[in-house]
Amino acid sequence: YAKAVEPYRKACELNNGLGCNNLGVMYGKGYGVEKDYAKAVELYRKACELNNGLGCANLGWMYDEGYGVKKDYAKAVELYRKA
């Protein structure tokens, strides 16, 4: 997992939505990096803004469960719909 972090980080820096989403998964699960829900939310948000459906769905799940953000079911539904 640690070797996957840098390519995902570089892809995200280049505004690749899938790279941002995948890096968010790494932070959300603690794969190759220290688990950090707030960082995962930031990365999922960027992925969603780059029109990556997985990023929107994952960000919705974070709002649904209250990981790294305050639970907000309305926001979760909005993001699931965008996904």
N, C-alpha and C. Protein backbone atom coordinates (compact mmCIF):
# COMPACT_ATOMS: atom_id res chain seq x y z
N TYR A 1 0.82 -1.20 0.00
CA TYR A 1 0.00 0.00 0.00
C TYR A 1 0.86 1.27 0.00
N ALA A 2 1.96 1.24 0.73
CA ALA A 2 2.79 2.42 0.83
C ALA A 2 3.29 2.87 -0.54
N LYS A 3 3.58 1.94 -1.43
CA LYS A 3 4.05 2.29 -2.77
C LYS A 3 2.95 2.90 -3.63
N ALA A 4 1.71 2.61 -3.34
CA ALA A 4 0.60 3.14 -4.12
C ALA A 4 0.28 4.59 -3.77
N VAL A 5 0.65 5.01 -2.58
CA VAL A 5 0.29 6.36 -2.12
C VAL A 5 0.85 7.44 -3.03
N GLU A 6 2.12 7.37 -3.37
CA GLU A 6 2.74 8.44 -4.16
C GLU A 6 2.16 8.59 -5.57
N PRO A 7 1.93 7.52 -6.32
CA PRO A 7 1.29 7.70 -7.62
C PRO A 7 -0.12 8.31 -7.51
N TYR A 8 -0.87 7.89 -6.49
CA TYR A 8 -2.21 8.47 -6.30
C TYR A 8 -2.09 9.95 -5.94
N ARG A 9 -1.12 10.29 -5.08
CA ARG A 9 -0.92 11.69 -4.69
C ARG A 9 -0.58 12.54 -5.93
N LYS A 10 0.32 12.04 -6.75
CA LYS A 10 0.73 12.76 -7.96
C LYS A 10 -0.46 12.93 -8.91
N ALA A 11 -1.23 11.86 -9.09
CA ALA A 11 -2.41 11.93 -9.96
C ALA A 11 -3.38 12.98 -9.45
N CYS A 12 -3.59 13.00 -8.15
CA CYS A 12 -4.52 13.97 -7.56
C CYS A 12 -4.00 15.39 -7.75
N GLU A 13 -2.70 15.58 -7.56
CA GLU A 13 -2.10 16.91 -7.78
C GLU A 13 -2.31 17.38 -9.21
N LEU A 14 -2.39 16.41 -10.15
CA LEU A 14 -2.63 16.73 -11.56
C LEU A 14 -4.12 16.79 -11.90
N ASN A 15 -4.95 16.85 -10.85
CA ASN A 15 -6.41 16.97 -10.98
C ASN A 15 -7.06 15.77 -11.65
N ASN A 16 -6.56 14.60 -11.33
CA ASN A 16 -7.17 13.35 -11.77
C ASN A 16 -8.11 12.89 -10.66
N GLY A 17 -9.41 12.90 -10.93
CA GLY A 17 -10.41 12.59 -9.92
C GLY A 17 -10.27 11.19 -9.34
N LEU A 18 -9.96 10.22 -10.19
CA LEU A 18 -9.82 8.85 -9.69
C LEU A 18 -8.61 8.75 -8.75
N GLY A 19 -7.54 9.45 -9.08
CA GLY A 19 -6.38 9.47 -8.20
C GLY A 19 -6.72 10.05 -6.83
N CYS A 20 -7.49 11.14 -6.84
CA CYS A 20 -7.91 11.76 -5.57
C CYS A 20 -8.79 10.80 -4.77
N ASN A 21 -9.74 10.17 -5.45
CA ASN A 21 -10.61 9.21 -4.78
C ASN A 21 -9.78 8.08 -4.17
N ASN A 22 -8.88 7.51 -4.95
CA ASN A 22 -8.10 6.38 -4.47
C ASN A 22 -7.19 6.77 -3.30
N LEU A 23 -6.63 7.96 -3.35
CA LEU A 23 -5.83 8.44 -2.23
C LEU A 23 -6.72 8.63 -1.00
N GLY A 24 -7.95 9.10 -1.23
CA GLY A 24 -8.90 9.23 -0.12
C GLY A 24 -9.19 7.88 0.53
N VAL A 25 -9.32 6.85 -0.28
CA VAL A 25 -9.53 5.50 0.26
C VAL A 25 -8.35 5.10 1.13
N MET A 26 -7.14 5.40 0.67
CA MET A 26 -5.95 5.05 1.44
C MET A 26 -5.98 5.71 2.82
N TYR A 27 -6.36 6.99 2.86
CA TYR A 27 -6.44 7.70 4.14
C TYR A 27 -7.63 7.21 4.98
N GLY A 28 -8.74 6.94 4.33
CA GLY A 28 -9.92 6.48 5.06
C GLY A 28 -9.74 5.12 5.69
N LYS A 29 -8.95 4.27 5.06
CA LYS A 29 -8.72 2.91 5.57
C LYS A 29 -7.39 2.77 6.33
N GLY A 30 -6.51 3.76 6.18
CA GLY A 30 -5.20 3.66 6.81
C GLY A 30 -4.28 2.72 6.06
N TYR A 31 -4.42 2.66 4.74
CA TYR A 31 -3.58 1.80 3.91
C TYR A 31 -2.35 2.57 3.45
N GLY A 32 -1.19 2.26 3.97
CA GLY A 32 0.04 2.91 3.56
C GLY A 32 0.27 4.28 4.16
N VAL A 33 -0.72 4.79 4.88
CA VAL A 33 -0.65 6.08 5.57
C VAL A 33 -1.42 5.94 6.88
N GLU A 34 -1.22 6.90 7.76
CA GLU A 34 -1.99 6.90 9.00
C GLU A 34 -3.45 7.24 8.68
N LYS A 35 -4.39 6.51 9.27
CA LYS A 35 -5.81 6.76 9.03
C LYS A 35 -6.13 8.20 9.41
N ASP A 36 -6.82 8.89 8.51
CA ASP A 36 -7.14 10.30 8.71
C ASP A 36 -8.43 10.60 7.96
N TYR A 37 -9.55 10.54 8.68
CA TYR A 37 -10.85 10.75 8.04
C TYR A 37 -10.99 12.15 7.45
N ALA A 38 -10.44 13.15 8.14
CA ALA A 38 -10.55 14.52 7.62
C ALA A 38 -9.83 14.65 6.28
N LYS A 39 -8.67 14.03 6.16
CA LYS A 39 -7.92 14.06 4.90
C LYS A 39 -8.69 13.29 3.82
N ALA A 40 -9.29 12.16 4.20
CA ALA A 40 -10.09 11.39 3.24
C ALA A 40 -11.24 12.24 2.73
N VAL A 41 -11.92 12.96 3.61
CA VAL A 41 -13.02 13.83 3.21
C VAL A 41 -12.53 14.89 2.22
N GLU A 42 -11.41 15.50 2.52
CA GLU A 42 -10.82 16.52 1.64
C GLU A 42 -10.56 15.94 0.24
N LEU A 43 -10.00 14.76 0.20
CA LEU A 43 -9.68 14.13 -1.08
C LEU A 43 -10.92 13.68 -1.83
N TYR A 44 -11.89 13.12 -1.12
CA TYR A 44 -13.16 12.74 -1.77
C TYR A 44 -13.86 13.98 -2.32
N ARG A 45 -13.81 15.08 -1.56
CA ARG A 45 -14.44 16.33 -2.03
C ARG A 45 -13.79 16.81 -3.32
N LYS A 46 -12.46 16.78 -3.37
CA LYS A 46 -11.77 17.20 -4.59
C LYS A 46 -12.14 16.27 -5.75
N ALA A 47 -12.17 14.96 -5.49
CA ALA A 47 -12.53 14.00 -6.53
C ALA A 47 -13.93 14.29 -7.05
N CYS A 48 -14.85 14.56 -6.14
CA CYS A 48 -16.24 14.85 -6.53
C CYS A 48 -16.30 16.14 -7.35
N GLU A 49 -15.55 17.15 -6.93
CA GLU A 49 -15.51 18.42 -7.68
C GLU A 49 -14.94 18.21 -9.08
N LEU A 50 -14.10 17.18 -9.23
CA LEU A 50 -13.54 16.84 -10.54
C LEU A 50 -14.45 15.86 -11.30
N ASN A 51 -15.69 15.74 -10.81
CA ASN A 51 -16.73 14.91 -11.43
C ASN A 51 -16.41 13.41 -11.44
N ASN A 52 -15.76 12.96 -10.39
CA ASN A 52 -15.51 11.53 -10.22
C ASN A 52 -16.64 10.97 -9.37
N GLY A 53 -17.46 10.10 -9.96
CA GLY A 53 -18.62 9.55 -9.26
C GLY A 53 -18.27 8.79 -8.00
N LEU A 54 -17.18 8.04 -8.02
CA LEU A 54 -16.77 7.31 -6.82
C LEU A 54 -16.44 8.27 -5.68
N GLY A 55 -15.78 9.37 -6.03
CA GLY A 55 -15.46 10.38 -5.01
C GLY A 55 -16.72 10.95 -4.39
N CYS A 56 -17.73 11.22 -5.20
CA CYS A 56 -19.00 11.75 -4.69
C CYS A 56 -19.68 10.71 -3.80
N ALA A 57 -19.68 9.46 -4.24
CA ALA A 57 -20.31 8.41 -3.44
C ALA A 57 -19.58 8.21 -2.12
N ASN A 58 -18.26 8.20 -2.17
CA ASN A 58 -17.49 8.03 -0.93
C ASN A 58 -17.66 9.21 0.01
N LEU A 59 -17.72 10.42 -0.54
CA LEU A 59 -17.96 11.59 0.30
C LEU A 59 -19.35 11.51 0.91
N GLY A 60 -20.33 11.07 0.13
CA GLY A 60 -21.67 10.87 0.67
C GLY A 60 -21.67 9.89 1.82
N TRP A 61 -20.92 8.81 1.68
CA TRP A 61 -20.84 7.81 2.74
C TRP A 61 -20.24 8.40 4.00
N MET A 62 -19.24 9.28 3.86
CA MET A 62 -18.63 9.92 5.02
C MET A 62 -19.66 10.77 5.76
N TYR A 63 -20.51 11.49 5.00
CA TYR A 63 -21.58 12.28 5.63
C TYR A 63 -22.64 11.36 6.23
N ASP A 64 -22.92 10.28 5.58
CA ASP A 64 -23.92 9.31 6.05
C ASP A 64 -23.50 8.72 7.39
N GLU A 65 -22.22 8.41 7.54
CA GLU A 65 -21.71 7.76 8.74
C GLU A 65 -21.11 8.72 9.77
N GLY A 66 -20.82 9.94 9.34
CA GLY A 66 -20.22 10.91 10.25
C GLY A 66 -18.72 10.70 10.47
N TYR A 67 -18.04 10.23 9.44
CA TYR A 67 -16.59 10.04 9.52
C TYR A 67 -15.89 11.28 8.97
N GLY A 68 -15.20 12.01 9.84
CA GLY A 68 -14.46 13.19 9.41
C GLY A 68 -15.31 14.43 9.20
N VAL A 69 -16.62 14.26 9.29
CA VAL A 69 -17.58 15.37 9.15
C VAL A 69 -18.76 15.08 10.08
N LYS A 70 -19.54 16.12 10.34
CA LYS A 70 -20.76 15.93 11.12
C LYS A 70 -21.77 15.18 10.26
N LYS A 71 -22.47 14.21 10.85
CA LYS A 71 -23.49 13.48 10.09
C LYS A 71 -24.47 14.46 9.47
N ASP A 72 -24.78 14.23 8.21
CA ASP A 72 -25.71 15.10 7.48
C ASP A 72 -26.34 14.25 6.39
N TYR A 73 -27.50 13.69 6.71
CA TYR A 73 -28.16 12.78 5.77
C TYR A 73 -28.59 13.48 4.48
N ALA A 74 -29.02 14.74 4.58
CA ALA A 74 -29.43 15.47 3.38
C ALA A 74 -28.24 15.67 2.45
N LYS A 75 -27.08 16.00 3.01
CA LYS A 75 -25.87 16.17 2.20
C LYS A 75 -25.46 14.84 1.60
N ALA A 76 -25.59 13.77 2.38
CA ALA A 76 -25.26 12.44 1.86
C ALA A 76 -26.11 12.09 0.66
N VAL A 77 -27.41 12.33 0.75
CA VAL A 77 -28.33 12.03 -0.35
C VAL A 77 -27.96 12.86 -1.58
N GLU A 78 -27.65 14.14 -1.38
CA GLU A 78 -27.26 15.02 -2.48
C GLU A 78 -26.02 14.46 -3.20
N LEU A 79 -25.05 14.02 -2.43
CA LEU A 79 -23.83 13.48 -3.01
C LEU A 79 -24.06 12.14 -3.69
N TYR A 80 -24.90 11.30 -3.09
CA TYR A 80 -25.23 10.00 -3.73
C TYR A 80 -25.91 10.26 -5.07
N ARG A 81 -26.79 11.24 -5.13
CA ARG A 81 -27.48 11.57 -6.39
C ARG A 81 -26.48 12.08 -7.44
N LYS A 82 -25.53 12.89 -6.99
CA LYS A 82 -24.52 13.41 -7.93
C LYS A 82 -23.65 12.26 -8.45
N ALA A 83 -23.40 11.29 -7.58
CA ALA A 83 -22.56 10.15 -7.98
C ALA A 83 -23.21 9.41 -9.13
